[in-house]
């Protein structure tokens, strides 16, 4: 692996992973995805990490739109 100097958005990634680890440590495993999603949103708010929740993106394959759009749980950058 290379030097950390060239790591893009190092602090932002560290902060996001830190919130995810706090959520995992507090809740453990076994819950439905929605529980972790809500906890992450709360954690991002508390850490003052800006994000948008549950945004849809349009997708296409070979120039043709796909009816089922991807649902992003979180967007940050």
C-alpha atoms as a PDB file:
ATOM      1  CA  UNK A   1       0.000   0.000   0.000  1.00  0.00           C
ATOM      2  CA  UNK A   2       1.039   3.586  -0.623  1.00  0.00           C
ATOM      3  CA  UNK A   3       1.446   6.545   1.630  1.00  0.00           C
ATOM      4  CA  UNK A   4      -1.526   8.136   3.366  1.00  0.00           C
ATOM      5  CA  UNK A   5      -0.494  11.511   1.904  1.00  0.00           C
ATOM      6  CA  UNK A   6      -2.171  10.724  -1.399  1.00  0.00           C
ATOM      7  CA  UNK A   7      -5.374   9.353   0.114  1.00  0.00           C
ATOM      8  CA  UNK A   8      -8.248  11.474  -1.176  1.00  0.00           C
ATOM      9  CA  UNK A   9     -10.745  12.735   1.392  1.00  0.00           C
ATOM     10  CA  UNK A  10      -8.892  10.957   4.193  1.00  0.00           C
ATOM     11  CA  UNK A  11     -10.558  12.827   7.062  1.00  0.00           C
ATOM     12  CA  UNK A  12     -14.040  12.484   5.558  1.00  0.00           C
ATOM     13  CA  UNK A  13     -13.610   8.736   5.077  1.00  0.00           C
ATOM     14  CA  UNK A  14     -12.237   8.368   8.597  1.00  0.00           C
ATOM     15  CA  UNK A  15     -15.229  10.248  10.041  1.00  0.00           C
ATOM     16  CA  UNK A  16     -17.780   8.209   8.085  1.00  0.00           C
ATOM     17  CA  UNK A  17     -16.180   4.875   9.011  1.00  0.00           C
ATOM     18  CA  UNK A  18     -15.995   6.074  12.617  1.00  0.00           C
ATOM     19  CA  UNK A  19     -19.744   6.672  12.715  1.00  0.00           C
ATOM     20  CA  UNK A  20     -20.388   3.269  11.122  1.00  0.00           C
ATOM     21  CA  UNK A  21     -18.192   1.568  13.731  1.00  0.00           C
ATOM     22  CA  UNK A  22     -20.009   3.368  16.562  1.00  0.00           C
ATOM     23  CA  UNK A  23     -23.355   2.206  15.162  1.00  0.00           C
ATOM     24  CA  UNK A  24     -22.096  -1.359  14.852  1.00  0.00           C
ATOM     25  CA  UNK A  25     -20.632  -1.314  18.371  1.00  0.00           C
ATOM     26  CA  UNK A  26     -23.843   0.062  19.865  1.00  0.00           C
ATOM     27  CA  UNK A  27     -26.349  -2.108  17.989  1.00  0.00           C
ATOM     28  CA  UNK A  28     -24.421  -5.261  17.194  1.00  0.00           C
ATOM     29  CA  UNK A  29     -25.803  -7.540  14.519  1.00  0.00           C
ATOM     30  CA  UNK A  30     -29.175  -9.020  13.697  1.00  0.00           C
ATOM     31  CA  UNK A  31     -31.348  -6.020  12.921  1.00  0.00           C
ATOM     32  CA  UNK A  32     -32.972  -5.187   9.619  1.00  0.00           C
ATOM     33  CA  UNK A  33     -31.192  -2.735   7.333  1.00  0.00           C
ATOM     34  CA  UNK A  34     -33.667   0.051   8.175  1.00  0.00           C
ATOM     35  CA  UNK A  35     -32.520   0.071  11.820  1.00  0.00           C
ATOM     36  CA  UNK A  36     -28.870   0.569  10.839  1.00  0.00           C
ATOM     37  CA  UNK A  37     -29.861   3.180   8.239  1.00  0.00           C
ATOM     38  CA  UNK A  38     -31.717   5.228  10.837  1.00  0.00           C
ATOM     39  CA  UNK A  39     -28.862   4.899  13.324  1.00  0.00           C
ATOM     40  CA  UNK A  40     -26.322   5.980  10.691  1.00  0.00           C
ATOM     41  CA  UNK A  41     -28.434   9.018   9.826  1.00  0.00           C
ATOM     42  CA  UNK A  42     -28.564   9.975  13.496  1.00  0.00           C
ATOM     43  CA  UNK A  43     -24.820   9.395  13.836  1.00  0.00           C
ATOM     44  CA  UNK A  44     -24.069  11.538  10.770  1.00  0.00           C
ATOM     45  CA  UNK A  45     -26.243  14.321  12.200  1.00  0.00           C
ATOM     46  CA  UNK A  46     -24.503  14.161  15.577  1.00  0.00           C
ATOM     47  CA  UNK A  47     -21.070  14.184  13.896  1.00  0.00           C
ATOM     48  CA  UNK A  48     -22.181  17.063  11.645  1.00  0.00           C
ATOM     49  CA  UNK A  49     -21.449  15.031   8.515  1.00  0.00           C
ATOM     50  CA  UNK A  50     -23.633  16.358   5.692  1.00  0.00           C
ATOM     51  CA  UNK A  51     -25.534  13.699   3.753  1.00  0.00           C
ATOM     52  CA  UNK A  52     -28.724  13.085   1.854  1.00  0.00           C
ATOM     53  CA  UNK A  53     -30.828  10.052   2.507  1.00  0.00           C
ATOM     54  CA  UNK A  54     -32.584   7.702   0.078  1.00  0.00           C
ATOM     55  CA  UNK A  55     -32.035   9.366  -3.275  1.00  0.00           C
ATOM     56  CA  UNK A  56     -32.947   7.642  -6.540  1.00  0.00           C
ATOM     57  CA  UNK A  57     -30.672   7.525  -9.546  1.00  0.00           C
ATOM     58  CA  UNK A  58     -31.722   6.756 -13.079  1.00  0.00           C
ATOM     59  CA  UNK A  59     -29.897   3.896 -14.750  1.00  0.00           C
ATOM     60  CA  UNK A  60     -29.508   2.763 -18.313  1.00  0.00           C
ATOM     61  CA  UNK A  61     -28.074  -0.215 -20.112  1.00  0.00           C
ATOM     62  CA  UNK A  62     -26.811   0.141 -23.686  1.00  0.00           C
ATOM     63  CA  UNK A  63     -28.531   3.508 -23.951  1.00  0.00           C
ATOM     64  CA  UNK A  64     -31.928   2.221 -22.794  1.00  0.00           C
ATOM     65  CA  UNK A  65     -33.423   3.331 -19.484  1.00  0.00           C
ATOM     66  CA  UNK A  66     -34.004   0.727 -16.800  1.00  0.00           C
ATOM     67  CA  UNK A  67     -37.326   1.034 -14.994  1.00  0.00           C
ATOM     68  CA  UNK A  68     -35.968  -0.089 -11.633  1.00  0.00           C
ATOM     69  CA  UNK A  69     -33.918   2.836 -10.391  1.00  0.00           C
ATOM     70  CA  UNK A  70     -31.146   2.407  -7.896  1.00  0.00           C
ATOM     71  CA  UNK A  71     -32.022   3.622  -4.422  1.00  0.00           C
ATOM     72  CA  UNK A  72     -28.950   5.065  -2.747  1.00  0.00           C
ATOM     73  CA  UNK A  73     -29.232   4.819   1.001  1.00  0.00           C
ATOM     74  CA  UNK A  74     -26.829   7.694   1.617  1.00  0.00           C
ATOM     75  CA  UNK A  75     -25.004  10.199  -0.559  1.00  0.00           C
ATOM     76  CA  UNK A  76     -22.138  12.226   0.766  1.00  0.00           C
ATOM     77  CA  UNK A  77     -19.881  13.563  -2.001  1.00  0.00           C
END
